[in-house]
Structures are given as structure tokens and as C-alpha cells.
N, C-alpha and C. Protein backbone atom coordinates (compact mmCIF):
# COMPACT_ATOMS: atom_id res chain seq x y z
N MET A 1 -71.00 -250.39 115.35
CA MET A 1 -71.55 -251.32 114.38
C MET A 1 -72.83 -250.72 113.79
N LEU A 2 -73.76 -251.53 113.44
CA LEU A 2 -74.97 -251.10 112.75
C LEU A 2 -76.15 -251.11 113.70
N ASP A 3 -76.81 -249.98 113.82
CA ASP A 3 -77.99 -249.87 114.67
C ASP A 3 -79.21 -249.67 113.78
N THR A 4 -80.37 -249.96 114.33
CA THR A 4 -81.62 -249.75 113.61
C THR A 4 -82.49 -248.80 114.40
N LEU A 5 -83.07 -247.84 113.73
CA LEU A 5 -84.08 -246.98 114.34
C LEU A 5 -85.43 -247.53 113.91
N GLU A 6 -86.29 -247.81 114.86
CA GLU A 6 -87.60 -248.36 114.53
C GLU A 6 -88.53 -247.24 114.07
N THR A 7 -89.19 -247.44 112.96
CA THR A 7 -90.19 -246.50 112.47
C THR A 7 -91.40 -247.29 112.02
N ARG A 8 -92.48 -246.59 111.76
CA ARG A 8 -93.68 -247.28 111.31
C ARG A 8 -93.60 -247.62 109.83
N LYS A 9 -92.86 -246.88 109.05
CA LYS A 9 -92.83 -247.08 107.60
C LYS A 9 -91.85 -248.17 107.21
N ARG A 10 -90.59 -247.97 107.46
CA ARG A 10 -89.57 -248.94 107.09
C ARG A 10 -88.40 -248.79 108.04
N PRO A 11 -87.61 -249.82 108.19
CA PRO A 11 -86.46 -249.71 109.07
C PRO A 11 -85.49 -248.65 108.55
N ARG A 12 -84.90 -247.92 109.45
CA ARG A 12 -83.87 -246.95 109.08
C ARG A 12 -82.59 -247.43 109.75
N PHE A 13 -81.52 -247.39 109.03
CA PHE A 13 -80.25 -247.88 109.54
C PHE A 13 -79.29 -246.72 109.75
N LEU A 14 -78.49 -246.82 110.79
CA LEU A 14 -77.43 -245.85 111.04
C LEU A 14 -76.13 -246.50 110.60
N ILE A 15 -75.51 -245.93 109.60
CA ILE A 15 -74.28 -246.49 109.05
C ILE A 15 -73.21 -245.41 109.10
N PRO A 16 -72.10 -245.64 109.80
CA PRO A 16 -71.04 -244.64 109.83
C PRO A 16 -70.52 -244.36 108.42
N ALA A 17 -70.36 -243.08 108.09
CA ALA A 17 -69.93 -242.70 106.74
C ALA A 17 -68.55 -243.22 106.40
N ASP A 18 -67.71 -243.46 107.40
CA ASP A 18 -66.35 -243.91 107.12
C ASP A 18 -66.23 -245.43 107.02
N GLU A 19 -67.32 -246.14 107.22
CA GLU A 19 -67.31 -247.59 107.06
C GLU A 19 -67.42 -247.94 105.58
N SER A 20 -66.70 -248.96 105.15
CA SER A 20 -66.78 -249.35 103.74
C SER A 20 -67.65 -250.59 103.55
N ARG A 21 -68.22 -251.09 104.64
CA ARG A 21 -69.03 -252.30 104.55
C ARG A 21 -70.09 -252.26 105.64
N CYS A 22 -71.27 -252.73 105.31
CA CYS A 22 -72.30 -252.89 106.33
C CYS A 22 -73.06 -254.17 106.03
N SER A 23 -73.65 -254.73 107.07
CA SER A 23 -74.38 -255.98 106.89
C SER A 23 -75.50 -256.06 107.92
N ARG A 24 -76.40 -256.96 107.64
CA ARG A 24 -77.56 -257.14 108.52
C ARG A 24 -78.04 -258.58 108.37
N THR A 25 -78.35 -259.23 109.47
CA THR A 25 -78.94 -260.56 109.44
C THR A 25 -80.45 -260.42 109.46
N LEU A 26 -81.11 -261.10 108.54
CA LEU A 26 -82.56 -261.02 108.38
C LEU A 26 -83.15 -262.42 108.33
N PRO A 27 -84.43 -262.56 108.65
CA PRO A 27 -85.07 -263.87 108.52
C PRO A 27 -85.10 -264.31 107.05
N SER A 28 -85.05 -265.59 106.82
CA SER A 28 -85.18 -266.11 105.47
C SER A 28 -86.67 -266.12 105.12
N ALA A 29 -87.18 -264.93 104.76
CA ALA A 29 -88.61 -264.74 104.49
C ALA A 29 -88.77 -263.69 103.40
N PRO A 30 -89.83 -263.79 102.60
CA PRO A 30 -90.02 -262.83 101.51
C PRO A 30 -90.01 -261.37 101.95
N GLN A 31 -90.50 -261.09 103.16
CA GLN A 31 -90.54 -259.71 103.65
C GLN A 31 -89.15 -259.12 103.84
N SER A 32 -88.14 -259.95 103.92
CA SER A 32 -86.78 -259.46 104.12
C SER A 32 -86.24 -258.69 102.92
N ALA A 33 -86.82 -258.88 101.75
CA ALA A 33 -86.36 -258.15 100.57
C ALA A 33 -86.53 -256.64 100.78
N ALA A 34 -87.64 -256.22 101.36
CA ALA A 34 -87.87 -254.79 101.60
C ALA A 34 -86.85 -254.22 102.59
N VAL A 35 -86.54 -254.97 103.63
CA VAL A 35 -85.56 -254.52 104.62
C VAL A 35 -84.17 -254.46 103.98
N ALA A 36 -83.86 -255.45 103.14
CA ALA A 36 -82.57 -255.47 102.45
C ALA A 36 -82.44 -254.26 101.53
N ARG A 37 -83.50 -253.91 100.82
CA ARG A 37 -83.47 -252.72 99.96
C ARG A 37 -83.22 -251.47 100.79
N SER A 38 -83.86 -251.39 101.94
CA SER A 38 -83.67 -250.24 102.82
C SER A 38 -82.22 -250.14 103.29
N LEU A 39 -81.63 -251.26 103.64
CA LEU A 39 -80.22 -251.28 104.06
C LEU A 39 -79.32 -250.80 102.93
N VAL A 40 -79.51 -251.34 101.74
CA VAL A 40 -78.67 -250.96 100.60
C VAL A 40 -78.85 -249.48 100.27
N ARG A 41 -80.09 -249.01 100.22
CA ARG A 41 -80.34 -247.59 99.92
C ARG A 41 -79.66 -246.69 100.96
N THR A 42 -79.80 -247.03 102.23
CA THR A 42 -79.20 -246.22 103.28
C THR A 42 -77.68 -246.21 103.17
N ALA A 43 -77.09 -247.37 102.90
CA ALA A 43 -75.64 -247.43 102.74
C ALA A 43 -75.17 -246.54 101.59
N LEU A 44 -75.83 -246.65 100.45
CA LEU A 44 -75.42 -245.86 99.29
C LEU A 44 -75.62 -244.37 99.53
N GLU A 45 -76.70 -244.00 100.20
CA GLU A 45 -76.92 -242.58 100.52
C GLU A 45 -75.87 -242.09 101.52
N THR A 46 -75.56 -242.92 102.53
CA THR A 46 -74.54 -242.55 103.52
C THR A 46 -73.19 -242.35 102.85
N TRP A 47 -72.89 -243.18 101.88
CA TRP A 47 -71.62 -243.07 101.16
C TRP A 47 -71.67 -242.03 100.05
N GLN A 48 -72.75 -241.25 100.03
CA GLN A 48 -72.94 -240.14 99.09
C GLN A 48 -72.87 -240.58 97.63
N MET A 49 -73.47 -241.70 97.36
CA MET A 49 -73.57 -242.18 95.99
C MET A 49 -74.91 -241.71 95.45
N SER A 50 -74.86 -240.84 94.47
CA SER A 50 -76.09 -240.20 94.01
C SER A 50 -76.55 -240.65 92.62
N ASP A 51 -75.83 -241.56 92.01
CA ASP A 51 -76.21 -242.07 90.69
C ASP A 51 -77.49 -242.90 90.83
N THR A 52 -78.62 -242.33 90.42
CA THR A 52 -79.90 -243.01 90.63
C THR A 52 -79.99 -244.33 89.87
N ASP A 53 -79.36 -244.41 88.71
CA ASP A 53 -79.37 -245.69 87.98
C ASP A 53 -78.63 -246.76 88.76
N ALA A 54 -77.49 -246.41 89.33
CA ALA A 54 -76.72 -247.38 90.12
C ALA A 54 -77.49 -247.78 91.38
N ILE A 55 -78.14 -246.82 92.02
CA ILE A 55 -78.94 -247.14 93.21
C ILE A 55 -80.07 -248.09 92.84
N ASP A 56 -80.79 -247.77 91.77
CA ASP A 56 -81.89 -248.64 91.32
C ASP A 56 -81.39 -250.04 90.98
N THR A 57 -80.23 -250.12 90.34
CA THR A 57 -79.66 -251.42 89.98
C THR A 57 -79.30 -252.21 91.24
N ALA A 58 -78.68 -251.55 92.20
CA ALA A 58 -78.31 -252.23 93.45
C ALA A 58 -79.55 -252.73 94.19
N LEU A 59 -80.62 -251.93 94.18
CA LEU A 59 -81.87 -252.34 94.84
C LEU A 59 -82.51 -253.53 94.13
N LEU A 60 -82.47 -253.52 92.81
CA LEU A 60 -82.99 -254.65 92.03
C LEU A 60 -82.18 -255.91 92.34
N ILE A 61 -80.87 -255.77 92.35
CA ILE A 61 -80.01 -256.93 92.61
C ILE A 61 -80.29 -257.53 93.98
N VAL A 62 -80.31 -256.70 95.02
CA VAL A 62 -80.53 -257.27 96.36
C VAL A 62 -81.91 -257.90 96.47
N SER A 63 -82.91 -257.32 95.82
CA SER A 63 -84.25 -257.92 95.83
C SER A 63 -84.23 -259.31 95.21
N GLU A 64 -83.60 -259.43 94.06
CA GLU A 64 -83.56 -260.72 93.36
C GLU A 64 -82.73 -261.75 94.13
N LEU A 65 -81.61 -261.32 94.71
CA LEU A 65 -80.78 -262.26 95.46
C LEU A 65 -81.49 -262.75 96.72
N VAL A 66 -82.18 -261.85 97.41
CA VAL A 66 -82.94 -262.27 98.60
C VAL A 66 -84.07 -263.22 98.18
N ALA A 67 -84.82 -262.86 97.15
CA ALA A 67 -85.93 -263.71 96.70
C ALA A 67 -85.42 -265.10 96.31
N ASN A 68 -84.28 -265.15 95.63
CA ASN A 68 -83.71 -266.42 95.21
C ASN A 68 -83.30 -267.26 96.43
N ALA A 69 -82.66 -266.63 97.39
CA ALA A 69 -82.23 -267.36 98.59
C ALA A 69 -83.43 -267.86 99.39
N VAL A 70 -84.45 -267.03 99.53
CA VAL A 70 -85.64 -267.43 100.28
C VAL A 70 -86.33 -268.61 99.60
N GLU A 71 -86.43 -268.55 98.28
CA GLU A 71 -87.17 -269.59 97.56
C GLU A 71 -86.38 -270.88 97.40
N HIS A 72 -85.08 -270.78 97.16
CA HIS A 72 -84.33 -271.97 96.76
C HIS A 72 -83.35 -272.53 97.78
N ALA A 73 -82.88 -271.72 98.71
CA ALA A 73 -81.93 -272.24 99.70
C ALA A 73 -82.68 -273.08 100.72
N ASN A 74 -82.18 -274.24 100.97
CA ASN A 74 -82.82 -275.15 101.94
C ASN A 74 -82.37 -274.78 103.35
N THR A 75 -82.88 -273.65 103.84
CA THR A 75 -82.43 -273.17 105.14
C THR A 75 -83.49 -273.31 106.22
N ASP A 76 -84.60 -273.93 105.91
CA ASP A 76 -85.66 -274.18 106.89
C ASP A 76 -86.02 -272.94 107.70
N GLY A 77 -86.18 -271.82 107.01
CA GLY A 77 -86.61 -270.60 107.67
C GLY A 77 -85.58 -269.97 108.57
N SER A 78 -84.31 -270.30 108.40
CA SER A 78 -83.29 -269.68 109.25
C SER A 78 -83.05 -268.25 108.79
N SER A 79 -81.82 -267.83 108.71
CA SER A 79 -81.55 -266.43 108.41
C SER A 79 -80.70 -266.26 107.16
N LEU A 80 -80.68 -265.02 106.70
CA LEU A 80 -79.84 -264.59 105.59
C LEU A 80 -78.97 -263.45 106.10
N ARG A 81 -77.84 -263.24 105.48
CA ARG A 81 -77.01 -262.08 105.82
C ARG A 81 -76.88 -261.25 104.56
N ILE A 82 -77.26 -259.98 104.67
CA ILE A 82 -77.16 -259.04 103.56
C ILE A 82 -75.89 -258.23 103.79
N ILE A 83 -75.04 -258.14 102.77
CA ILE A 83 -73.78 -257.41 102.89
C ILE A 83 -73.67 -256.46 101.72
N VAL A 84 -73.39 -255.20 102.00
CA VAL A 84 -73.14 -254.22 100.95
C VAL A 84 -71.78 -253.58 101.24
N THR A 85 -70.96 -253.50 100.20
CA THR A 85 -69.57 -253.08 100.36
C THR A 85 -69.19 -252.07 99.29
N ARG A 86 -68.44 -251.05 99.70
CA ARG A 86 -67.76 -250.20 98.72
C ARG A 86 -66.49 -250.96 98.37
N ALA A 87 -66.56 -251.76 97.34
CA ALA A 87 -65.48 -252.68 97.01
C ALA A 87 -64.19 -251.95 96.66
N GLU A 88 -64.29 -250.88 95.95
CA GLU A 88 -63.17 -250.02 95.56
C GLU A 88 -63.80 -248.73 95.06
N PRO A 89 -63.02 -247.71 94.82
CA PRO A 89 -63.65 -246.46 94.36
C PRO A 89 -64.52 -246.70 93.12
N GLY A 90 -65.77 -246.28 93.23
CA GLY A 90 -66.69 -246.39 92.11
C GLY A 90 -67.32 -247.74 91.91
N ARG A 91 -67.20 -248.65 92.89
CA ARG A 91 -67.79 -249.98 92.76
C ARG A 91 -68.52 -250.36 94.04
N ILE A 92 -69.65 -251.01 93.85
CA ILE A 92 -70.46 -251.51 94.96
C ILE A 92 -70.63 -253.01 94.78
N LYS A 93 -70.53 -253.73 95.88
CA LYS A 93 -70.77 -255.17 95.86
C LYS A 93 -71.90 -255.47 96.84
N VAL A 94 -72.90 -256.19 96.37
CA VAL A 94 -74.04 -256.58 97.19
C VAL A 94 -74.03 -258.10 97.26
N GLY A 95 -74.15 -258.64 98.46
CA GLY A 95 -74.15 -260.09 98.62
C GLY A 95 -75.24 -260.56 99.56
N VAL A 96 -75.70 -261.77 99.33
CA VAL A 96 -76.67 -262.42 100.22
C VAL A 96 -76.09 -263.78 100.59
N THR A 97 -75.93 -263.99 101.88
CA THR A 97 -75.34 -265.22 102.40
C THR A 97 -76.42 -266.07 103.05
N ASP A 98 -76.39 -267.38 102.77
CA ASP A 98 -77.34 -268.30 103.40
C ASP A 98 -76.59 -269.56 103.83
N PHE A 99 -77.30 -270.48 104.43
CA PHE A 99 -76.68 -271.68 104.98
C PHE A 99 -76.81 -272.92 104.09
N ASP A 100 -77.07 -272.73 102.82
CA ASP A 100 -77.19 -273.83 101.86
C ASP A 100 -75.98 -273.76 100.93
N ARG A 101 -75.22 -274.83 100.82
CA ARG A 101 -74.01 -274.83 99.99
C ARG A 101 -74.30 -275.07 98.51
N THR A 102 -75.54 -275.31 98.14
CA THR A 102 -75.87 -275.59 96.75
C THR A 102 -75.78 -274.31 95.93
N PRO A 103 -74.90 -274.26 94.92
CA PRO A 103 -74.81 -273.06 94.10
C PRO A 103 -76.09 -272.85 93.29
N PRO A 104 -76.50 -271.61 93.12
CA PRO A 104 -77.69 -271.35 92.30
C PRO A 104 -77.39 -271.59 90.83
N ILE A 105 -78.40 -271.99 90.11
CA ILE A 105 -78.28 -272.21 88.67
C ILE A 105 -79.27 -271.29 87.98
N PRO A 106 -78.78 -270.35 87.18
CA PRO A 106 -79.72 -269.46 86.47
C PRO A 106 -80.63 -270.28 85.57
N ALA A 107 -81.92 -270.01 85.65
CA ALA A 107 -82.91 -270.72 84.85
C ALA A 107 -83.29 -269.89 83.64
N THR A 108 -83.79 -270.56 82.64
CA THR A 108 -84.36 -269.88 81.49
C THR A 108 -85.87 -269.95 81.65
N ALA A 109 -86.47 -268.79 81.90
CA ALA A 109 -87.91 -268.76 82.16
C ALA A 109 -88.69 -268.64 80.87
N ASP A 110 -89.78 -269.36 80.82
CA ASP A 110 -90.74 -269.26 79.72
C ASP A 110 -91.40 -267.89 79.81
N ALA A 111 -91.81 -267.33 78.70
CA ALA A 111 -92.43 -266.00 78.68
C ALA A 111 -93.68 -265.92 79.55
N ASN A 112 -94.35 -267.04 79.77
CA ASN A 112 -95.58 -267.05 80.56
C ASN A 112 -95.35 -267.33 82.05
N GLN A 113 -94.12 -267.65 82.42
CA GLN A 113 -93.83 -267.95 83.82
C GLN A 113 -93.70 -266.67 84.64
N GLU A 114 -94.22 -266.74 85.87
CA GLU A 114 -94.12 -265.60 86.78
C GLU A 114 -92.76 -265.52 87.44
N HIS A 115 -92.11 -266.65 87.65
CA HIS A 115 -90.84 -266.71 88.38
C HIS A 115 -89.76 -267.30 87.49
N GLY A 116 -88.53 -267.26 87.98
CA GLY A 116 -87.45 -267.93 87.27
C GLY A 116 -86.51 -267.01 86.52
N ARG A 117 -86.67 -265.70 86.68
CA ARG A 117 -85.81 -264.77 85.95
C ARG A 117 -84.78 -264.06 86.82
N GLY A 118 -84.79 -264.31 88.12
CA GLY A 118 -83.98 -263.55 89.07
C GLY A 118 -82.51 -263.50 88.74
N LEU A 119 -81.86 -264.65 88.64
CA LEU A 119 -80.42 -264.66 88.38
C LEU A 119 -80.10 -264.22 86.96
N ALA A 120 -80.98 -264.51 86.02
CA ALA A 120 -80.77 -264.02 84.65
C ALA A 120 -80.81 -262.50 84.63
N LEU A 121 -81.70 -261.92 85.41
CA LEU A 121 -81.79 -260.47 85.52
C LEU A 121 -80.54 -259.90 86.19
N VAL A 122 -80.08 -260.53 87.26
CA VAL A 122 -78.85 -260.10 87.92
C VAL A 122 -77.69 -260.17 86.93
N ASN A 123 -77.63 -261.24 86.14
CA ASN A 123 -76.58 -261.40 85.14
C ASN A 123 -76.59 -260.25 84.12
N GLU A 124 -77.78 -259.78 83.78
CA GLU A 124 -77.91 -258.69 82.80
C GLU A 124 -77.48 -257.34 83.35
N VAL A 125 -77.81 -257.05 84.61
CA VAL A 125 -77.59 -255.70 85.13
C VAL A 125 -76.27 -255.54 85.90
N ALA A 126 -75.71 -256.63 86.40
CA ALA A 126 -74.46 -256.55 87.16
C ALA A 126 -73.26 -256.56 86.22
N GLU A 127 -72.19 -255.91 86.64
CA GLU A 127 -70.96 -256.00 85.86
C GLU A 127 -70.34 -257.38 86.01
N GLU A 128 -70.46 -257.92 87.20
CA GLU A 128 -70.06 -259.31 87.44
C GLU A 128 -70.85 -259.83 88.64
N TRP A 129 -70.99 -261.14 88.69
CA TRP A 129 -71.64 -261.76 89.83
C TRP A 129 -71.06 -263.15 89.99
N GLY A 130 -71.24 -263.71 91.17
CA GLY A 130 -70.69 -265.03 91.40
C GLY A 130 -71.17 -265.61 92.71
N VAL A 131 -70.56 -266.74 93.05
CA VAL A 131 -70.91 -267.47 94.26
C VAL A 131 -69.63 -267.80 95.00
N THR A 132 -69.61 -267.51 96.28
CA THR A 132 -68.50 -267.90 97.14
C THR A 132 -69.02 -268.97 98.09
N LEU A 133 -68.41 -270.16 98.02
CA LEU A 133 -68.83 -271.26 98.88
C LEU A 133 -68.04 -271.26 100.18
N TYR A 134 -68.73 -271.54 101.25
CA TYR A 134 -68.13 -271.69 102.57
C TYR A 134 -68.44 -273.10 103.07
N ARG A 135 -67.79 -273.53 104.15
CA ARG A 135 -68.08 -274.85 104.72
C ARG A 135 -69.55 -274.97 105.10
N TRP A 136 -70.13 -273.89 105.54
CA TRP A 136 -71.47 -273.88 106.12
C TRP A 136 -72.54 -273.28 105.21
N GLY A 137 -72.18 -272.78 104.04
CA GLY A 137 -73.18 -272.15 103.17
C GLY A 137 -72.53 -271.47 101.98
N LYS A 138 -73.14 -270.38 101.55
CA LYS A 138 -72.62 -269.67 100.38
C LYS A 138 -73.02 -268.21 100.43
N GLN A 139 -72.32 -267.42 99.62
CA GLN A 139 -72.73 -266.05 99.38
C GLN A 139 -72.87 -265.87 97.87
N VAL A 140 -74.02 -265.38 97.45
CA VAL A 140 -74.22 -265.00 96.05
C VAL A 140 -74.07 -263.48 96.04
N TRP A 141 -73.21 -262.99 95.17
CA TRP A 141 -72.89 -261.57 95.16
C TRP A 141 -72.90 -261.02 93.74
N ALA A 142 -73.03 -259.72 93.67
CA ALA A 142 -72.97 -259.03 92.37
C ALA A 142 -72.32 -257.67 92.61
N SER A 143 -71.59 -257.19 91.61
CA SER A 143 -70.98 -255.87 91.74
C SER A 143 -71.37 -255.01 90.55
N ILE A 144 -71.43 -253.71 90.84
CA ILE A 144 -71.80 -252.72 89.82
C ILE A 144 -70.92 -251.49 89.98
N ALA A 145 -70.84 -250.70 88.93
CA ALA A 145 -70.19 -249.39 89.03
C ALA A 145 -71.18 -248.44 89.69
N ALA A 146 -70.65 -247.56 90.52
CA ALA A 146 -71.52 -246.58 91.20
C ALA A 146 -70.86 -245.22 91.23
């Protein structure tokens, strides 16, 4: 499965190169966005995906999805599950799962607002995105070419 090597800078993940999916459970906290980015970056590097634009896009997507889940999901500080998948050749799917069944609604942010652009940004950079509802929560996911 997935192991973590502890370092002083950022978590490093060991991901088998022949795995097509990896995931990690993280606290529902703003700091989890950095760990989620590290997981996604490590997965893409392990899978030898070198398209820097695709890597940057995947990192942006996971950051926005984690931030959205932390801010809006009524999970009372529980956990999130970050999932990154080689969906098919040349495609990456990034998902964030939480325990709130309420689907997110993309907001239209005023030019002066600091927040409120996350899902609109995901909509712009992802080839597709959506929400999968479960009995106990949901997964918000996005896919890109890589």
C-alpha cells in the first residue's frame, strides 16, 4: 500500500510504479492542501509524467478541492480522502472525498473577494469535473490530460 517517509520539509510518499491509483486520508484542515499536493506530485513523478503544465494543473486542482472541502463540507474537523488515479492512458483523475453529502455549488466571486473562485477555477482548467454522491458523503473529482 502507501507508506510515508517522514522528513522535515514535506511528507514523501512511496508509491509503487505499477499501481494506477493512490490515496491518503488527511485531516480536514487547511494544512492538508500541502500534503495533498505532495501526494499528487509524487504519484505523477512515479508514473513518469513529465508534462509540467499537467503537473501544475493537477496541483492547482487538488489544492482547490481540498480548500473547498475544508471550508464548506460540514465534517466537524473529521478527515478527507485524497485520491489520484491514472484513469486511462494520458489521463489523470484527482478526487477529494469528504463526509458531507451536500454537492458543491460553484460561486461567482466578486472581483474584490478573496475567496469563492475555487470550483470556477477547477471548471476552467479541468477537462471535466463532477461530484459522486455516496450514502455517507461525496467525492468531488476532476480529470485532465497528462
